């Protein structure tokens, strides 16, 4: 059995913060999750493949083999959705700030 940790934003729909399910591969684990929490497979899969905006960690390593990734007994699995946001455009910089940036990091054309 593997312990699958449910992302915070999905927990209200799933009704748990983690589920224990069986399966020798990631495909089997997702099928077992779907049996316990209907609809979760739609959040994990698109067109029969893992969603590109979702990372899956098995025992601390990101799954790279997709649905055929082996899942050892007792595995800890984390479903990791993409996080949006970040720095926003603050508009044009002053010439002095642009020169300073170029000297420190070589960013952009020389002013």
Protein backbone atom coordinates (compact mmCIF):
# COMPACT_ATOMS: atom_id res chain seq x y z
CA UNK A 1 0.00 0.00 0.00
CA UNK A 2 1.13 3.55 -0.75
CA UNK A 3 0.17 6.73 1.09
CA UNK A 4 -0.92 9.43 -1.36
CA UNK A 5 -0.82 12.97 0.00
CA UNK A 6 -3.61 15.10 -1.45
CA UNK A 7 -2.85 18.74 -2.38
CA UNK A 8 -4.44 21.28 -0.06
CA UNK A 9 -6.64 22.76 -2.78
CA UNK A 10 -8.18 19.31 -3.54
CA UNK A 11 -8.81 18.17 0.04
CA UNK A 12 -12.35 19.54 0.38
CA UNK A 13 -13.45 17.59 -2.71
CA UNK A 14 -11.56 14.42 -1.76
CA UNK A 15 -12.52 14.56 1.90
CA UNK A 16 -9.07 13.64 3.21
CA UNK A 17 -5.52 14.95 3.33
CA UNK A 18 -4.10 11.54 2.43
CA UNK A 19 -5.35 8.19 1.20
CA UNK A 20 -3.79 4.75 1.47
CA UNK A 21 -4.17 2.76 -1.75
CA UNK A 22 -2.57 -0.21 -3.45
CA UNK A 23 -0.88 -0.49 -6.81
CA UNK A 24 2.41 -1.61 -8.32
CA UNK A 25 2.52 1.23 -10.87
CA UNK A 26 1.40 4.83 -10.88
CA UNK A 27 -1.44 3.85 -13.26
CA UNK A 28 -2.74 1.33 -10.71
CA UNK A 29 -2.40 3.80 -7.84
CA UNK A 30 -4.42 6.42 -9.76
CA UNK A 31 -7.11 3.82 -10.55
CA UNK A 32 -7.29 2.94 -6.83
CA UNK A 33 -7.49 6.65 -5.95
CA UNK A 34 -10.36 7.08 -8.40
CA UNK A 35 -12.22 4.20 -6.73
CA UNK A 36 -11.86 5.88 -3.33
CA UNK A 37 -12.32 9.51 -4.45
CA UNK A 38 -14.30 9.70 -7.72
CA UNK A 39 -13.15 12.55 -9.93
CA UNK A 40 -9.55 12.68 -8.76
CA UNK A 41 -8.34 10.93 -11.93
CA UNK A 42 -9.64 13.91 -13.96
CA UNK A 43 -7.34 16.17 -11.95
CA UNK A 44 -4.34 13.91 -12.48
CA UNK A 45 -4.87 12.69 -16.06
CA UNK A 46 -5.63 14.33 -19.40
CA UNK A 47 -6.21 12.17 -22.47
CA UNK A 48 -4.94 9.11 -20.60
CA UNK A 49 -1.61 10.74 -19.64
CA UNK A 50 -0.34 12.60 -16.60
CA UNK A 51 -1.20 16.28 -16.75
CA UNK A 52 1.89 18.32 -17.65
CA UNK A 53 1.11 20.89 -14.95
CA UNK A 54 1.27 18.21 -12.24
CA UNK A 55 4.40 16.70 -10.74
CA UNK A 56 4.28 13.46 -8.80
CA UNK A 57 6.88 12.60 -6.19
CA UNK A 58 7.38 8.98 -5.13
CA UNK A 59 9.56 8.62 -2.04
CA UNK A 60 11.09 12.03 -2.67
CA UNK A 61 11.92 11.55 -6.37
CA UNK A 62 9.89 13.09 -9.20
CA UNK A 63 8.26 10.37 -11.31
CA UNK A 64 9.78 10.56 -14.79
CA UNK A 65 8.35 7.42 -16.41
CA UNK A 66 4.74 8.52 -16.37
CA UNK A 67 2.03 5.99 -15.62
CA UNK A 68 4.43 3.03 -15.80
CA UNK A 69 6.51 4.38 -12.91
CA UNK A 70 6.88 1.58 -10.33
CA UNK A 71 5.45 2.25 -6.88
CA UNK A 72 7.13 0.29 -4.09
CA UNK A 73 5.10 -1.00 -1.16
CA UNK A 74 4.91 1.63 1.58
CA UNK A 75 5.68 4.49 -0.80
CA UNK A 76 4.94 8.12 0.07
CA UNK A 77 3.40 9.81 -2.98
CA UNK A 78 2.86 13.55 -3.28
CA UNK A 79 0.69 15.11 -5.99
CA UNK A 80 2.19 18.53 -6.70
CA UNK A 81 0.11 20.96 -8.80
CA UNK A 82 1.81 23.86 -10.54
CA UNK A 83 1.93 27.14 -8.67
CA UNK A 84 1.08 30.28 -10.64
CA UNK A 85 2.11 33.85 -10.05
CA UNK A 86 5.42 35.45 -9.38
CA UNK A 87 7.02 38.76 -10.12
CA UNK A 88 4.91 41.30 -11.89
CA UNK A 89 6.10 43.81 -14.43
CA UNK A 90 7.02 46.94 -12.57
CA UNK A 91 7.41 49.06 -15.69
CA UNK A 92 10.54 50.63 -17.12
CA UNK A 93 13.61 50.90 -14.92
CA UNK A 94 15.69 53.99 -14.51
CA UNK A 95 18.89 54.15 -16.61
CA UNK A 96 20.93 53.97 -13.41
CA UNK A 97 19.17 50.77 -12.27
CA UNK A 98 19.62 49.24 -15.73
CA UNK A 99 23.39 49.96 -15.67
CA UNK A 100 23.69 48.48 -12.20
CA UNK A 101 21.83 45.34 -13.27
CA UNK A 102 24.03 44.96 -16.34
CA UNK A 103 27.24 45.26 -14.30
CA UNK A 104 26.12 42.71 -11.70
CA UNK A 105 24.39 40.09 -13.82
CA UNK A 106 24.81 41.01 -17.45
CA UNK A 107 21.07 41.32 -17.93
CA UNK A 108 19.75 42.95 -21.04
CA UNK A 109 21.51 45.25 -23.50
CA UNK A 110 23.96 47.75 -22.15
CA UNK A 111 22.23 51.13 -21.59
